[in-house]
């Protein structure tokens, strides 16, 4: 445990870079990203300007859901390497002054976990109470589709799984379960990690009696379960037993929470977690499917969360991650320059009053991959979507199109280090995204006008002037404009972004502000009276 007073602002002033370990870098040539590959790549993250590295799960797992089905809370999965590899990664991160944050699933384990196997082997034993069982299921539906209850082979009772049937929900009502989880987190903090992102933590508390849901479909059910009756009690307990003992950050994944409910969790007067990782940018159907989207809605998400948490507490700012299609596919315009689109989207979120989360590849403007066959799908959710569509009579082409529109595989393709790929010497576990030209780290590091260089410039602004770009007040200056996003940070900072494919004149209220300021960063020509398609300007 740490013996010094924690710095309460490092997780505010630093930016987060998310790694999907299986797809970041393959050091041993087996086609899978690994810890040694991450260690090799940390210097690139440092060069970008991020200060916190969040890694998606690296714990032992059968990998049905790519590590979110954990079978060992204190073990490294052999797919990624050994504990010695992890310790070497921590040492390199410390040398580079990078904080390491781990992704841990607290709501469920794999059915391969020794706890679940013991529960099956001895229905009257203590491990039976580690999970949630019923003689007859209620009407809840799994987030991944189908019933949220299954029977294990040779067992007469049903176990709850809000996600895949291989992911059994833990019984958090059992204090032994809670202590097992707290002990596992202390184990990794003692190793030297700097915190956790707590996967689907908002659904660990279920309603008493597990009643039928008024609307049992996956997303309405999830909203009903988020923020259950004992969630706050257990989060306070977790902070007291774990987080308060270390200089660390606790980030709660919070789908189903609005700003008001999230504010109660991160309120410094009664703190439970440091940040909520919200999903409002996920829940826009058009954007999720790569269709047209509402710019006014997009801007309102930033405004609503800043007003709800920004003045008291702290926000995370997450627009892309491993569960979503790529940024330029979700919020972009196929008729416009993808690099300008990527830069514009970066400027919308990196300079918010929040800790920005950059997902690997977004800093390159990486787009969606191409999928032409169901055999090319790896994502369990997409496979289930395809199977259910076919069972309802949809054609193979219709079912595949539905799966491709929502598959998480788009964001999980191998990271492009060089024009040739550079991920590793073996055949990658997932087909790489086709390179449209220059969408790789080596090419972009050599190009001062690249998307990567633009992200680096934004992060440099944020690091050098924290008064303005980290802690400065936020104001949306054109909340109702259907294309322009202009916002103020602090006393002097103004960011102008055209989120459309047509040139837009700047209103006089904006040009008057810009006349008193200097443009310090632009994605193209400095134009204080109008904005070109998908152009960006930052002024102080």
Foldseek 3Di string as FASTA:
>chain_A
DDDDDFDPCPLQLFFEEEDAQQFEFPDPFPQGGALLGVLVCVVVVVLLQGAEYEYEAQAADPCLQHRLQHQDLQFGHPSHHHVVSVLSSLVSSVVSNHAYAYEHELFWHFCNHPLNVVCVVDVVDPSVLQFDKDLDDAQAAALLGGRQWDDDPPDNIIFGHNHDPRTGTTQPVDVVSLVVVLVSLQSVVVSPHAYYEYPLLQQNAADPPNHHDPDRPNLVVSLVRGNHDCSLVSLLVSCVSHVVVHNHFYEYAGENDFLQRQQVAFFPVRHRGQEYNYCPLCPFVQLQLLHADFPLSVLVNLVRNCVSHVVGGAYEFENDELQGFAPCSRQHDVVDDLQLLLLLVLLVTLQGQHRYYHYALSLLSQGFADDDAPVQASRPSLVSQLVVCVVVPDDNVVSNSVSSSRGSVRSRHHAAADQVRNNRNYNHPHDHGDDPPQSHNVSQVVDCLGSSVSSSVSSVVSNPCVCFRHNFRKDFPCSPDRFWTWMGTHPQKIKIWGSAQAKAFDDPVQLVSQVVWDWDDKSDDDDSGIAHGSIMTMID
